Amino acid sequence: MASAAFSEKFTRALTQLDEDREALHILDGIILSEPARGIKGDTFRCLLGPCVYVFYHKGTALYIGRSNRGLSRVSARTHAAKEAIETCDDVHFYPCASIAYSKLVESKLIRELKPAYNTVGKGD
């Protein structure tokens, strides 16, 4: 039920947005933050392939991971570093040329940054 009401409210707000500046108040509570910084299409496509990601909180690395399929791993609901995902305030992505390179980059970053939530591979 709530989902249908949300969908109706959202659709109505988007329709009115172009027609009536007053409609902006309808979006309160639907849009959760300012738009994220835009990225170029080529950069986005790089983030769909092998990459390494680092979750930071207040400038300190919490968790470093890698993905063969880029953003899909980071957004997985079953991610082992769920707490790091929930508490991070910054995320850095390092697109890599291959899966083998992503393994090397991940290992190097773990050794250098010593993130709190990494246990496997730490100090390798």
PDB file of N, CA and C in Angstrom:
ATOM      1  N   MET A   1       0.810  -1.193   0.000  1.00  0.00           N
ATOM      2  CA  MET A   1       0.000   0.000   0.000  1.00  0.00           C
ATOM      3  C   MET A   1       0.857   1.264   0.000  1.00  0.00           C
ATOM      4  N   ALA A   2       1.791   1.327   0.939  1.00  0.00           N
ATOM      5  CA  ALA A   2       2.647   2.510   1.023  1.00  0.00           C
ATOM      6  C   ALA A   2       3.444   2.687  -0.258  1.00  0.00           C
ATOM      7  N   SER A   3       3.812   1.592  -0.877  1.00  0.00           N
ATOM      8  CA  SER A   3       4.577   1.646  -2.118  1.00  0.00           C
ATOM      9  C   SER A   3       3.772   2.296  -3.233  1.00  0.00           C
ATOM     10  N   ALA A   4       2.504   1.966  -3.333  1.00  0.00           N
ATOM     11  CA  ALA A   4       1.641   2.555  -4.359  1.00  0.00           C
ATOM     12  C   ALA A   4       1.449   4.048  -4.115  1.00  0.00           C
ATOM     13  N   ALA A   5       1.276   4.423  -2.845  1.00  0.00           N
ATOM     14  CA  ALA A   5       1.111   5.843  -2.509  1.00  0.00           C
ATOM     15  C   ALA A   5       2.379   6.614  -2.828  1.00  0.00           C
ATOM     16  N   PHE A   6       3.527   6.021  -2.512  1.00  0.00           N
ATOM     17  CA  PHE A   6       4.815   6.647  -2.806  1.00  0.00           C
ATOM     18  C   PHE A   6       4.973   6.839  -4.307  1.00  0.00           C
ATOM     19  N   SER A   7       4.673   5.799  -5.069  1.00  0.00           N
ATOM     20  CA  SER A   7       4.801   5.857  -6.527  1.00  0.00           C
ATOM     21  C   SER A   7       3.893   6.932  -7.114  1.00  0.00           C
ATOM     22  N   GLU A   8       2.668   6.997  -6.622  1.00  0.00           N
ATOM     23  CA  GLU A   8       1.725   8.004  -7.111  1.00  0.00           C
ATOM     24  C   GLU A   8       2.210   9.417  -6.783  1.00  0.00           C
ATOM     25  N   LYS A   9       2.684   9.610  -5.554  1.00  0.00           N
ATOM     26  CA  LYS A   9       3.187  10.915  -5.128  1.00  0.00           C
ATOM     27  C   LYS A   9       4.401  11.325  -5.957  1.00  0.00           C
ATOM     28  N   PHE A  10       5.294  10.380  -6.187  1.00  0.00           N
ATOM     29  CA  PHE A  10       6.500  10.651  -6.956  1.00  0.00           C
ATOM     30  C   PHE A  10       6.156  11.004  -8.405  1.00  0.00           C
ATOM     31  N   THR A  11       5.284  10.234  -9.023  1.00  0.00           N
ATOM     32  CA  THR A  11       4.877  10.493 -10.405  1.00  0.00           C
ATOM     33  C   THR A  11       4.200  11.859 -10.525  1.00  0.00           C
ATOM     34  N   ARG A  12       3.329  12.163  -9.585  1.00  0.00           N
ATOM     35  CA  ARG A  12       2.637  13.454  -9.593  1.00  0.00           C
ATOM     36  C   ARG A  12       3.644  14.608  -9.456  1.00  0.00           C
ATOM     37  N   ALA A  13       4.626  14.436  -8.571  1.00  0.00           N
ATOM     38  CA  ALA A  13       5.626  15.483  -8.357  1.00  0.00           C
ATOM     39  C   ALA A  13       6.456  15.714  -9.613  1.00  0.00           C
ATOM     40  N   LEU A  14       6.856  14.653 -10.265  1.00  0.00           N
ATOM     41  CA  LEU A  14       7.659  14.801 -11.480  1.00  0.00           C
ATOM     42  C   LEU A  14       6.863  15.469 -12.601  1.00  0.00           C
ATOM     43  N   THR A  15       5.590  15.125 -12.706  1.00  0.00           N
ATOM     44  CA  THR A  15       4.740  15.723 -13.732  1.00  0.00           C
ATOM     45  C   THR A  15       4.570  17.215 -13.500  1.00  0.00           C
ATOM     46  N   GLN A  16       4.348  17.590 -12.255  1.00  0.00           N
ATOM     47  CA  GLN A  16       4.112  18.992 -11.934  1.00  0.00           C
ATOM     48  C   GLN A  16       5.389  19.823 -11.932  1.00  0.00           C
ATOM     49  N   LEU A  17       6.517  19.180 -11.778  1.00  0.00           N
ATOM     50  CA  LEU A  17       7.776  19.913 -11.645  1.00  0.00           C
ATOM     51  C   LEU A  17       8.019  20.871 -12.800  1.00  0.00           C
ATOM     52  N   ASP A  18       7.772  20.413 -14.015  1.00  0.00           N
ATOM     53  CA  ASP A  18       7.982  21.264 -15.177  1.00  0.00           C
ATOM     54  C   ASP A  18       6.922  22.362 -15.285  1.00  0.00           C
ATOM     55  N   GLU A  19       5.733  22.107 -14.775  1.00  0.00           N
ATOM     56  CA  GLU A  19       4.627  23.038 -14.938  1.00  0.00           C
ATOM     57  C   GLU A  19       4.505  24.064 -13.816  1.00  0.00           C
ATOM     58  N   ASP A  20       4.924  23.704 -12.621  1.00  0.00           N
ATOM     59  CA  ASP A  20       4.594  24.543 -11.478  1.00  0.00           C
ATOM     60  C   ASP A  20       5.709  24.503 -10.427  1.00  0.00           C
ATOM     61  N   ARG A  21       6.352  25.640 -10.191  1.00  0.00           N
ATOM     62  CA  ARG A  21       7.444  25.680  -9.220  1.00  0.00           C
ATOM     63  C   ARG A  21       6.954  25.356  -7.812  1.00  0.00           C
ATOM     64  N   GLU A  22       5.700  25.548  -7.533  1.00  0.00           N
ATOM     65  CA  GLU A  22       5.132  25.212  -6.220  1.00  0.00           C
ATOM     66  C   GLU A  22       5.220  23.718  -5.942  1.00  0.00           C
ATOM     67  N   ALA A  23       5.288  22.918  -6.984  1.00  0.00           N
ATOM     68  CA  ALA A  23       5.314  21.459  -6.819  1.00  0.00           C
ATOM     69  C   ALA A  23       6.596  20.971  -6.152  1.00  0.00           C
ATOM     70  N   LEU A  24       7.615  21.814  -6.058  1.00  0.00           N
ATOM     71  CA  LEU A  24       8.873  21.385  -5.451  1.00  0.00           C
ATOM     72  C   LEU A  24       8.692  20.859  -4.029  1.00  0.00           C
ATOM     73  N   HIS A  25       7.777  21.419  -3.266  1.00  0.00           N
ATOM     74  CA  HIS A  25       7.588  20.952  -1.890  1.00  0.00           C
ATOM     75  C   HIS A  25       7.117  19.505  -1.832  1.00  0.00           C
ATOM     76  N   ILE A  26       6.489  18.996  -2.876  1.00  0.00           N
ATOM     77  CA  ILE A  26       6.025  17.611  -2.908  1.00  0.00           C
ATOM     78  C   ILE A  26       7.214  16.651  -2.872  1.00  0.00           C
ATOM     79  N   LEU A  27       8.377  17.094  -3.372  1.00  0.00           N
ATOM     80  CA  LEU A  27       9.548  16.227  -3.408  1.00  0.00           C
ATOM     81  C   LEU A  27      10.224  16.070  -2.047  1.00  0.00           C
ATOM     82  N   ASP A  28       9.866  16.880  -1.063  1.00  0.00           N
ATOM     83  CA  ASP A  28      10.445  16.731   0.270  1.00  0.00           C
ATOM     84  C   ASP A  28      10.215  15.317   0.769  1.00  0.00           C
ATOM     85  N   GLY A  29      11.275  14.673   1.219  1.00  0.00           N
ATOM     86  CA  GLY A  29      11.181  13.316   1.737  1.00  0.00           C
ATOM     87  C   GLY A  29      11.305  12.236   0.682  1.00  0.00           C
ATOM     88  N   ILE A  30      11.239  12.592  -0.593  1.00  0.00           N
ATOM     89  CA  ILE A  30      11.390  11.604  -1.660  1.00  0.00           C
ATOM     90  C   ILE A  30      12.837  11.576  -2.135  1.00  0.00           C
ATOM     91  N   ILE A  31      13.398  12.748  -2.380  1.00  0.00           N
ATOM     92  CA  ILE A  31      14.794  12.840  -2.785  1.00  0.00           C
ATOM     93  C   ILE A  31      15.613  12.993  -1.504  1.00  0.00           C
ATOM     94  N   LEU A  32      16.532  12.065  -1.263  1.00  0.00           N
ATOM     95  CA  LEU A  32      17.213  11.998   0.015  1.00  0.00           C
ATOM     96  C   LEU A  32      18.424  12.908   0.144  1.00  0.00           C
ATOM     97  N   SER A  33      19.015  13.328  -0.965  1.00  0.00           N
ATOM     98  CA  SER A  33      20.187  14.191  -0.871  1.00  0.00           C
ATOM     99  C   SER A  33      20.341  14.971  -2.165  1.00  0.00           C
ATOM    100  N   GLU A  34      21.303  15.861  -2.161  1.00  0.00           N
ATOM    101  CA  GLU A  34      21.630  16.577  -3.386  1.00  0.00           C
ATOM    102  C   GLU A  34      22.129  15.563  -4.420  1.00  0.00           C
ATOM    103  N   PRO A  35      22.018  15.883  -5.702  1.00  0.00           N
ATOM    104  CA  PRO A  35      22.497  14.945  -6.716  1.00  0.00           C
ATOM    105  C   PRO A  35      23.989  14.668  -6.539  1.00  0.00           C
ATOM    106  N   ALA A  36      24.371  13.428  -6.779  1.00  0.00           N
ATOM    107  CA  ALA A  36      25.782  13.060  -6.721  1.00  0.00           C
ATOM    108  C   ALA A  36      26.516  13.734  -7.874  1.00  0.00           C
ATOM    109  N   ARG A  37      27.799  13.907  -7.720  1.00  0.00           N
ATOM    110  CA  ARG A  37      28.603  14.491  -8.785  1.00  0.00           C
ATOM    111  C   ARG A  37      28.469  13.614 -10.026  1.00  0.00           C
ATOM    112  N   GLY A  38      28.212  14.239 -11.139  1.00  0.00           N
ATOM    113  CA  GLY A  38      28.059  13.508 -12.383  1.00  0.00           C
ATOM    114  C   GLY A  38      29.377  12.907 -12.847  1.00  0.00           C
ATOM    115  N   ILE A  39      29.288  11.802 -13.549  1.00  0.00           N
ATOM    116  CA  ILE A  39      30.482  11.187 -14.131  1.00  0.00           C
ATOM    117  C   ILE A  39      30.248  10.955 -15.613  1.00  0.00           C
ATOM    118  N   LYS A  40      31.304  10.956 -16.350  1.00  0.00           N
ATOM    119  CA  LYS A  40      31.234  10.741 -17.797  1.00  0.00           C
ATOM    120  C   LYS A  40      30.871   9.285 -18.095  1.00  0.00           C
ATOM    121  N   GLY A  41      30.300   9.067 -19.238  1.00  0.00           N
ATOM    122  CA  GLY A  41      29.893   7.724 -19.646  1.00  0.00           C
ATOM    123  C   GLY A  41      31.041   6.737 -19.659  1.00  0.00           C
ATOM    124  N   ASP A  42      32.202   7.141 -20.169  1.00  0.00           N
ATOM    125  CA  ASP A  42      33.357   6.240 -20.203  1.00  0.00           C
ATOM    126  C   ASP A  42      33.795   5.846 -18.803  1.00  0.00           C
ATOM    127  N   THR A  43      33.747   6.799 -17.878  1.00  0.00           N
ATOM    128  CA  THR A  43      34.116   6.505 -16.489  1.00  0.00           C
ATOM    129  C   THR A  43      33.114   5.537 -15.883  1.00  0.00           C
ATOM    130  N   PHE A  44      31.844   5.766 -16.123  1.00  0.00           N
ATOM    131  CA  PHE A  44      30.811   4.870 -15.610  1.00  0.00           C
ATOM    132  C   PHE A  44      31.029   3.452 -16.128  1.00  0.00           C
ATOM    133  N   ARG A  45      31.300   3.322 -17.423  1.00  0.00           N
ATOM    134  CA  ARG A  45      31.513   1.994 -18.001  1.00  0.00           C
ATOM    135  C   ARG A  45      32.735   1.306 -17.391  1.00  0.00           C
ATOM    136  N   CYS A  46      33.774   2.077 -17.056  1.00  0.00           N
ATOM    137  CA  CYS A  46      34.953   1.507 -16.384  1.00  0.00           C
ATOM    138  C   CYS A  46      34.568   0.926 -15.026  1.00  0.00           C
ATOM    139  N   LEU A  47      33.607   1.563 -14.366  1.00  0.00           N
ATOM    140  CA  LEU A  47      33.184   1.103 -13.046  1.00  0.00           C
ATOM    141  C   LEU A  47      32.302  -0.144 -13.091  1.00  0.00           C
ATOM    142  N   LEU A  48      31.996  -0.614 -14.283  1.00  0.00           N
ATOM    143  CA  LEU A  48      31.224  -1.846 -14.428  1.00  0.00           C
ATOM    144  C   LEU A  48      32.131  -3.058 -14.591  1.00  0.00           C
ATOM    145  N   GLY A  49      33.431  -2.821 -14.791  1.00  0.00           N
ATOM    146  CA  GLY A  49      34.404  -3.902 -14.940  1.00  0.00           C
ATOM    147  C   GLY A  49      35.199  -4.092 -13.659  1.00  0.00           C
ATOM    148  N   PRO A  50      36.331  -4.777 -13.755  1.00  0.00           N
ATOM    149  CA  PRO A  50      37.148  -5.013 -12.559  1.00  0.00           C
ATOM    150  C   PRO A  50      37.560  -3.699 -11.899  1.00  0.00           C
ATOM    151  N   CYS A  51      37.386  -3.636 -10.594  1.00  0.00           N
ATOM    152  CA  CYS A  51      37.798  -2.438  -9.865  1.00  0.00           C
ATOM    153  C   CYS A  51      38.061  -2.758  -8.403  1.00  0.00           C
ATOM    154  N   VAL A  52      38.726  -1.834  -7.753  1.00  0.00           N
ATOM    155  CA  VAL A  52      38.978  -1.901  -6.318  1.00  0.00           C
ATOM    156  C   VAL A  52      38.262  -0.710  -5.706  1.00  0.00           C
ATOM    157  N   TYR A  53      37.687  -0.913  -4.537  1.00  0.00           N
ATOM    158  CA  TYR A  53      36.979   0.174  -3.867  1.00  0.00           C
ATOM    159  C   TYR A  53      37.452   0.267  -2.417  1.00  0.00           C
ATOM    160  N   VAL A  54      37.437   1.488  -1.908  1.00  0.00           N
ATOM    161  CA  VAL A  54      37.857   1.744  -0.523  1.00  0.00           C
ATOM    162  C   VAL A  54      36.762   2.561   0.158  1.00  0.00           C
ATOM    163  N   PHE A  55      36.251   2.043   1.274  1.00  0.00           N
ATOM    164  CA  PHE A  55      35.301   2.771   2.102  1.00  0.00           C
ATOM    165  C   PHE A  55      36.087   3.538   3.159  1.00  0.00           C
ATOM    166  N   TYR A  56      35.839   4.842   3.258  1.00  0.00           N
ATOM    167  CA  TYR A  56      36.518   5.697   4.235  1.00  0.00           C
ATOM    168  C   TYR A  56      35.510   6.285   5.217  1.00  0.00           C
ATOM    169  N   HIS A  57      35.988   6.531   6.422  1.00  0.00           N
ATOM    170  CA  HIS A  57      35.224   7.301   7.407  1.00  0.00           C
ATOM    171  C   HIS A  57      36.189   8.281   8.060  1.00  0.00           C
ATOM    172  N   LYS A  58      35.882   9.568   7.901  1.00  0.00           N
ATOM    173  CA  LYS A  58      36.718  10.641   8.437  1.00  0.00           C
ATOM    174  C   LYS A  58      38.185  10.482   8.008  1.00  0.00           C
ATOM    175  N   GLY A  59      38.387  10.108   6.740  1.00  0.00           N
ATOM    176  CA  GLY A  59      39.729  10.012   6.180  1.00  0.00           C
ATOM    177  C   GLY A  59      40.467   8.720   6.471  1.00  0.00           C
ATOM    178  N   THR A  60      39.859   7.813   7.228  1.00  0.00           N
ATOM    179  CA  THR A  60      40.489   6.542   7.574  1.00  0.00           C
ATOM    180  C   THR A  60      39.831   5.421   6.780  1.00  0.00           C
ATOM    181  N   ALA A  61      40.654   4.577   6.170  1.00  0.00           N
ATOM    182  CA  ALA A  61      40.128   3.447   5.404  1.00  0.00           C
ATOM    183  C   ALA A  61      39.479   2.435   6.341  1.00  0.00           C
ATOM    184  N   LEU A  62      38.218   2.099   6.052  1.00  0.00           N
ATOM    185  CA  LEU A  62      37.493   1.103   6.835  1.00  0.00           C
ATOM    186  C   LEU A  62      37.601  -0.280   6.207  1.00  0.00           C
ATOM    187  N   TYR A  63      37.439  -0.322   4.889  1.00  0.00           N
ATOM    188  CA  TYR A  63      37.406  -1.602   4.182  1.00  0.00           C
ATOM    189  C   TYR A  63      37.854  -1.401   2.749  1.00  0.00           C
ATOM    190  N   ILE A  64      38.616  -2.355   2.256  1.00  0.00           N
ATOM    191  CA  ILE A  64      39.056  -2.354   0.858  1.00  0.00           C
ATOM    192  C   ILE A  64      38.609  -3.667   0.241  1.00  0.00           C
ATOM    193  N   GLY A  65      37.976  -3.574  -0.902  1.00  0.00           N
ATOM    194  CA  GLY A  65      37.515  -4.767  -1.598  1.00  0.00           C
ATOM    195  C   GLY A  65      37.713  -4.621  -3.086  1.00  0.00           C
ATOM    196  N   ARG A  66      37.411  -5.668  -3.787  1.00  0.00           N
ATOM    197  CA  ARG A  66      37.517  -5.623  -5.240  1.00  0.00           C
ATOM    198  C   ARG A  66      36.325  -6.348  -5.831  1.00  0.00           C
ATOM    199  N   SER A  67      36.085  -6.049  -7.078  1.00  0.00           N
ATOM    200  CA  SER A  67      34.948  -6.642  -7.760  1.00  0.00           C
ATOM    201  C   SER A  67      35.310  -6.929  -9.203  1.00  0.00           C
ATOM    202  N   ASN A  68      34.896  -8.074  -9.679  1.00  0.00           N
ATOM    203  CA  ASN A  68      35.071  -8.397 -11.097  1.00  0.00           C
ATOM    204  C   ASN A  68      34.054  -7.640 -11.941  1.00  0.00           C
ATOM    205  N   ARG A  69      32.929  -7.273 -11.312  1.00  0.00           N
ATOM    206  CA  ARG A  69      31.844  -6.581 -12.014  1.00  0.00           C
ATOM    207  C   ARG A  69      31.570  -5.210 -11.401  1.00  0.00           C
ATOM    208  N   GLY A  70      32.580  -4.545 -10.962  1.00  0.00           N
ATOM    209  CA  GLY A  70      32.487  -3.161 -10.506  1.00  0.00           C
ATOM    210  C   GLY A  70      31.433  -2.885  -9.466  1.00  0.00           C
ATOM    211  N   LEU A  71      30.578  -1.944  -9.780  1.00  0.00           N
ATOM    212  CA  LEU A  71      29.589  -1.445  -8.825  1.00  0.00           C
ATOM    213  C   LEU A  71      28.634  -2.513  -8.312  1.00  0.00           C
ATOM    214  N   SER A  72      28.442  -3.588  -9.051  1.00  0.00           N
ATOM    215  CA  SER A  72      27.477  -4.602  -8.624  1.00  0.00           C
ATOM    216  C   SER A  72      27.886  -5.241  -7.301  1.00  0.00           C
ATOM    217  N   ARG A  73      29.153  -5.458  -7.069  1.00  0.00           N
ATOM    218  CA  ARG A  73      29.615  -6.061  -5.814  1.00  0.00           C
ATOM    219  C   ARG A  73      29.432  -5.103  -4.646  1.00  0.00           C
ATOM    220  N   VAL A  74      29.762  -3.859  -4.862  1.00  0.00           N
ATOM    221  CA  VAL A  74      29.662  -2.865  -3.791  1.00  0.00           C
ATOM    222  C   VAL A  74      28.228  -2.738  -3.301  1.00  0.00           C
ATOM    223  N   SER A  75      27.279  -2.860  -4.203  1.00  0.00           N
ATOM    224  CA  SER A  75      25.876  -2.673  -3.839  1.00  0.00           C
ATOM    225  C   SER A  75      25.180  -3.962  -3.418  1.00  0.00           C
ATOM    226  N   ALA A  76      25.894  -5.085  -3.376  1.00  0.00           N
ATOM    227  CA  ALA A  76      25.281  -6.366  -3.011  1.00  0.00           C
ATOM    228  C   ALA A  76      24.775  -6.329  -1.567  1.00  0.00           C
ATOM    229  N   ARG A  77      23.579  -6.797  -1.352  1.00  0.00           N
ATOM    230  CA  ARG A  77      22.979  -6.777  -0.003  1.00  0.00           C
ATOM    231  C   ARG A  77      23.702  -7.719   0.955  1.00  0.00           C
ATOM    232  N   THR A  78      24.397  -8.694   0.428  1.00  0.00           N
ATOM    233  CA  THR A  78      25.074  -9.678   1.271  1.00  0.00           C
ATOM    234  C   THR A  78      26.551  -9.364   1.453  1.00  0.00           C
ATOM    235  N   HIS A  79      26.946  -8.146   1.200  1.00  0.00           N
ATOM    236  CA  HIS A  79      28.360  -7.773   1.293  1.00  0.00           C
ATOM    237  C   HIS A  79      28.869  -8.000   2.711  1.00  0.00           C
ATOM    238  N   ALA A  80      30.052  -8.597   2.831  1.00  0.00           N
ATOM    239  CA  ALA A  80      30.647  -8.923   4.134  1.00  0.00           C
ATOM    240  C   ALA A  80      30.963  -7.679   4.961  1.00  0.00           C
ATOM    241  N   ALA A  81      31.199  -6.565   4.318  1.00  0.00           N
ATOM    242  CA  ALA A  81      31.576  -5.328   5.015  1.00  0.00           C
ATOM    243  C   ALA A  81      30.377  -4.411   5.205  1.00  0.00           C
ATOM    244  N   LYS A  82      29.237  -4.993   5.549  1.00  0.00           N
ATOM    245  CA  LYS A  82      28.004  -4.217   5.679  1.00  0.00           C
ATOM    246  C   LYS A  82      28.163  -3.038   6.642  1.00  0.00           C
ATOM    247  N   GLU A  83      28.833  -3.245   7.757  1.00  0.00           N
ATOM    248  CA  GLU A  83      29.018  -2.164   8.729  1.00  0.00           C
ATOM    249  C   GLU A  83      29.842  -1.026   8.134  1.00  0.00           C
ATOM    250  N   ALA A  84      30.873  -1.370   7.383  1.00  0.00           N
ATOM    251  CA  ALA A  84      31.695  -0.338   6.732  1.00  0.00           C
ATOM    252  C   ALA A  84      30.865   0.440   5.710  1.00  0.00           C
ATOM    253  N   ILE A  85      30.008  -0.257   4.992  1.00  0.00           N
ATOM    254  CA  ILE A  85      29.146   0.394   4.004  1.00  0.00           C
ATOM    255  C   ILE A  85      28.209   1.381   4.703  1.00  0.00           C
ATOM    256  N   GLU A  86      27.676   0.981   5.848  1.00  0.00           N
ATOM    257  CA  GLU A  86      26.714   1.818   6.561  1.00  0.00           C
ATOM    258  C   GLU A  86      27.359   3.019   7.240  1.00  0.00           C
ATOM    259  N   THR A  87      28.641   2.934   7.585  1.00  0.00           N
ATOM    260  CA  THR A  87      29.279   4.034   8.323  1.00  0.00           C
ATOM    261  C   THR A  87      30.220   4.893   7.478  1.00  0.00           C
ATOM    262  N   CYS A  88      30.486   4.505   6.251  1.00  0.00           N
ATOM    263  CA  CYS A  88      31.434   5.269   5.432  1.00  0.00           C
ATOM    264  C   CYS A  88      30.861   6.635   5.055  1.00  0.00           C
ATOM    265  N   ASP A  89      31.763   7.600   4.888  1.00  0.00           N
ATOM    266  CA  ASP A  89      31.340   8.911   4.413  1.00  0.00           C
ATOM    267  C   ASP A  89      32.004   9.260   3.082  1.00  0.00           C
ATOM    268  N   ASP A  90      32.818   8.342   2.573  1.00  0.00           N
ATOM    269  CA  ASP A  90      33.479   8.547   1.290  1.00  0.00           C
ATOM    270  C   ASP A  90      33.846   7.188   0.709  1.00  0.00           C
ATOM    271  N   VAL A  91      33.755   7.052  -0.594  1.00  0.00           N
ATOM    272  CA  VAL A  91      34.124   5.811  -1.278  1.00  0.00           C
ATOM    273  C   VAL A  91      34.982   6.172  -2.479  1.00  0.00           C
ATOM    274  N   HIS A  92      36.106   5.489  -2.620  1.00  0.00           N
ATOM    275  CA  HIS A  92      36.976   5.694  -3.781  1.00  0.00           C
ATOM    276  C   HIS A  92      36.967   4.425  -4.622  1.00  0.00           C
ATOM    277  N   PHE A  93      36.909   4.602  -5.937  1.00  0.00           N
ATOM    278  CA  PHE A  93      36.939   3.487  -6.874  1.00  0.00           C
ATOM    279  C   PHE A  93      38.189   3.579  -7.727  1.00  0.00           C
ATOM    280  N   TYR A  94      38.812   2.428  -7.965  1.00  0.00           N
ATOM    281  CA  TYR A  94      40.001   2.348  -8.815  1.00  0.00           C
ATOM    282  C   TYR A  94      39.730   1.323  -9.915  1.00  0.00           C
ATOM    283  N   PRO A  95      39.236   1.759 -11.076  1.00  0.00           N
ATOM    284  CA  PRO A  95      39.016   0.829 -12.181  1.00  0.00           C
ATOM    285  C   PRO A  95      40.351   0.211 -12.609  1.00  0.00           C
ATOM    286  N   CYS A  96      40.342  -1.074 -12.891  1.00  0.00           N
ATOM    287  CA  CYS A  96      41.569  -1.791 -13.257  1.00  0.00           C
ATOM    288  C   CYS A  96      41.431  -2.417 -14.645  1.00  0.00           C
ATOM    289  N   ALA A  97      42.563  -2.626 -15.290  1.00  0.00           N
ATOM    290  CA  ALA A  97      42.584  -3.165 -16.654  1.00  0.00           C
ATOM    291  C   ALA A  97      42.182  -4.638 -16.699  1.00  0.00           C
ATOM    292  N   SER A  98      42.328  -5.361 -15.594  1.00  0.00           N
ATOM    293  CA  SER A  98      41.978  -6.783 -15.571  1.00  0.00           C
ATOM    294  C   SER A  98      41.706  -7.226 -14.139  1.00  0.00           C
ATOM    295  N   ILE A  99      41.145  -8.414 -13.994  1.00  0.00           N
ATOM    296  CA  ILE A  99      40.902  -8.986 -12.674  1.00  0.00           C
ATOM    297  C   ILE A  99      42.230  -9.203 -11.949  1.00  0.00           C
ATOM    298  N   ALA A 100      43.235  -9.676 -12.676  1.00  0.00           N
ATOM    299  CA  ALA A 100      44.550  -9.900 -12.063  1.00  0.00           C
ATOM    300  C   ALA A 100      45.117  -8.602 -11.500  1.00  0.00           C
ATOM    301  N   TYR A 101      45.000  -7.515 -12.240  1.00  0.00           N
ATOM    302  CA  TYR A 101      45.492  -6.224 -11.741  1.00  0.00           C
ATOM    303  C   TYR A 101      44.688  -5.758 -10.534  1.00  0.00           C
ATOM    304  N   SER A 102      43.385  -6.017 -10.530  1.00  0.00           N
ATOM    305  CA  SER A 102      42.575  -5.600  -9.388  1.00  0.00           C
ATOM    306  C   SER A 102      43.017  -6.333  -8.116  1.00  0.00           C
ATOM    307  N   LYS A 103      43.427  -7.583  -8.244  1.00  0.00           N
ATOM    308  CA  LYS A 103      43.922  -8.334  -7.088  1.00  0.00           C
ATOM    309  C   LYS A 103      45.208  -7.709  -6.549  1.00  0.00           C
ATOM    310  N   LEU A 104      46.085  -7.295  -7.454  1.00  0.00           N
ATOM    311  CA  LEU A 104      47.337  -6.662  -7.036  1.00  0.00           C
ATOM    312  C   LEU A 104      47.082  -5.326  -6.343  1.00  0.00           C
ATOM    313  N   VAL A 105      46.198  -4.517  -6.927  1.00  0.00           N
ATOM    314  CA  VAL A 105      45.893  -3.201  -6.353  1.00  0.00           C
ATOM    315  C   VAL A 105      45.246  -3.363  -4.980  1.00  0.00           C
ATOM    316  N   GLU A 106      44.298  -4.286  -4.867  1.00  0.00           N
ATOM    317  CA  GLU A 106      43.633  -4.526  -3.579  1.00  0.00           C
ATOM    318  C   GLU A 106      44.654  -4.919  -2.507  1.00  0.00           C
ATOM    319  N   SER A 107      45.506  -5.866  -2.828  1.00  0.00           N
ATOM    320  CA  SER A 107      46.509  -6.332  -1.871  1.00  0.00           C
ATOM    321  C   SER A 107      47.443  -5.204  -1.423  1.00  0.00           C
ATOM    322  N   LYS A 108      47.896  -4.409  -2.393  1.00  0.00           N
ATOM    323  CA  LYS A 108      48.801  -3.291  -2.081  1.00  0.00           C
ATOM    324  C   LYS A 108      48.114  -2.268  -1.177  1.00  0.00           C
ATOM    325  N   LEU A 109      46.862  -1.919  -1.496  1.00  0.00           N
ATOM    326  CA  LEU A 109      46.135  -0.932  -0.689  1.00  0.00           C
ATOM    327  C   LEU A 109      45.866  -1.449   0.732  1.00  0.00           C
ATOM    328  N   ILE A 110      45.551  -2.729   0.858  1.00  0.00           N
ATOM    329  CA  ILE A 110      45.320  -3.302   2.191  1.00  0.00           C
ATOM    330  C   ILE A 110      46.603  -3.230   3.015  1.00  0.00           C
ATOM    331  N   ARG A 111      47.728  -3.589   2.406  1.00  0.00           N
ATOM    332  CA  ARG A 111      49.009  -3.516   3.132  1.00  0.00           C
ATOM    333  C   ARG A 111      49.335  -2.090   3.559  1.00  0.00           C
ATOM    334  N   GLU A 112      49.071  -1.129   2.682  1.00  0.00           N
ATOM    335  CA  GLU A 112      49.431   0.262   2.976  1.00  0.00           C
ATOM    336  C   GLU A 112      48.460   0.952   3.928  1.00  0.00           C
ATOM    337  N   LEU A 113      47.163   0.741   3.734  1.00  0.00           N
ATOM    338  CA  LEU A 113      46.158   1.487   4.493  1.00  0.00           C
ATOM    339  C   LEU A 113      45.681   0.772   5.760  1.00  0.00           C
ATOM    340  N   LYS A 114      45.874  -0.553   5.817  1.00  0.00           N
ATOM    341  CA  LYS A 114      45.487  -1.360   6.989  1.00  0.00           C
ATOM    342  C   LYS A 114      44.073  -1.054   7.492  1.00  0.00           C
ATOM    343  N   PRO A 115      43.083  -1.264   6.646  1.00  0.00           N
ATOM    344  CA  PRO A 115      41.707  -0.950   7.038  1.00  0.00           C
ATOM    345  C   PRO A 115      41.194  -1.868   8.156  1.00  0.00           C
ATOM    346  N   ALA A 116      40.369  -1.315   9.011  1.00  0.00           N
ATOM    347  CA  ALA A 116      39.870  -2.022  10.197  1.00  0.00           C
ATOM    348  C   ALA A 116      39.043  -3.262   9.875  1.00  0.00           C
ATOM    349  N   TYR A 117      38.259  -3.246   8.816  1.00  0.00           N
ATOM    350  CA  TYR A 117      37.349  -4.352   8.542  1.00  0.00           C
ATOM    351  C   TYR A 117      37.922  -5.422   7.628  1.00  0.00           C
ATOM    352  N   ASN A 118      39.134  -5.262   7.159  1.00  0.00           N
ATOM    353  CA  ASN A 118      39.761  -6.308   6.345  1.00  0.00           C
ATOM    354  C   ASN A 118      40.513  -7.251   7.265  1.00  0.00           C
ATOM    355  N   THR A 119      40.278  -8.542   7.073  1.00  0.00           N
ATOM    356  CA  THR A 119      41.036  -9.523   7.839  1.00  0.00           C
ATOM    357  C   THR A 119      41.829 -10.417   6.913  1.00  0.00           C
ATOM    358  N   VAL A 120      41.212 -10.913   5.861  1.00  0.00           N
ATOM    359  CA  VAL A 120      41.884 -11.761   4.893  1.00  0.00           C
ATOM    360  C   VAL A 120      42.756 -10.889   4.008  1.00  0.00           C
ATOM    361  N   GLY A 121      43.997 -11.262   3.812  1.00  0.00           N
ATOM    362  CA  GLY A 121      44.878 -10.524   2.920  1.00  0.00           C
ATOM    363  C   GLY A 121      45.660  -9.417   3.606  1.00  0.00           C
ATOM    364  N   LYS A 122      45.334  -9.111   4.862  1.00  0.00           N
ATOM    365  CA  LYS A 122      46.027  -8.058   5.575  1.00  0.00           C
ATOM    366  C   LYS A 122      47.476  -8.482   5.779  1.00  0.00           C
ATOM    367  N   GLY A 123      48.402  -7.663   5.317  1.00  0.00           N
ATOM    368  CA  GLY A 123      49.822  -7.937   5.526  1.00  0.00           C
ATOM    369  C   GLY A 123      50.402  -8.949   4.566  1.00  0.00           C
ATOM    370  N   ASP A 124      49.613  -9.445   3.584  1.00  0.00           N
ATOM    371  CA  ASP A 124      50.168 -10.405   2.608  1.00  0.00           C
ATOM    372  C   ASP A 124      51.254  -9.773   1.783  1.00  0.00           C
TER     373      ASP A 124
END
